[in-house]
Amino acid sequence: MSFRNFLFSKTLNIAITGVLLGGLALPLSQNAAAEECSQSVEAVWLDTYSVEADAQGECGSAEVSLAVFNQSGGIEYQATFDQNDLFGFYGIETLNDMQAALLDWISGYVDVATSAKLPVWPEGAEGPQAGEFPFYAEEGVTRETYERARQEERPMVCFIQGTESQLCLVKNPKSGALESIGVQTFPG
């Protein structure tokens, strides 16, 4: 075999191997592409408020939004989070997993109670006393406002708003509006 034929043979083998490996790699790279996770789910809180949880973007890096609407359609609360900043949204790779996480977020992990469940804020203390996992009152909420809400046993809903915390909203008895009273931490 001449050197020229030998070189042609090796080049052809390399080219065929490259095409075959490239053909195998193409489906692998297509599978590695993130799945689109955009979708929306709904629930009802406190028998009054419509809640919509929404994901926009690719699984693993979607933006997740929550909107709470009153009976007139007005927005009571609205926020957007990176999915990796919310407990329960880690490692989501598929549309079905995202749907399950969204539903859990606005129904399964939601704590519906009354404000009587909030920890006591003792007189003279800087904030509510909740032991190992503190409750942080919303900025601007005074001890008097907080304790009045506890004593009135207002309808309250708490939902995950971070990797280790829930935001608690209480219903204002006069206006019916949901108002943030503070954040309850939990082990993440």
Foldseek 3Di string as FASTA:
>chain_A
DDPVVVVVVVVVVVVVVVVVVVVVVVVVVVVVDFAFQWDKDWDDPPNFKIKIWTWGGTQPFTKIKIFIAGPVRHTQDIDIDGQVFWAQRPPGRDNVSSVVSRCCQVPVQKDKFFLLPFAQADPPHPGGDDPPWDKDFDPPQDNVNSVVRNVVRFIKMWGIDGNFKTWIWGQDPPPRGTDTGTITGHDD
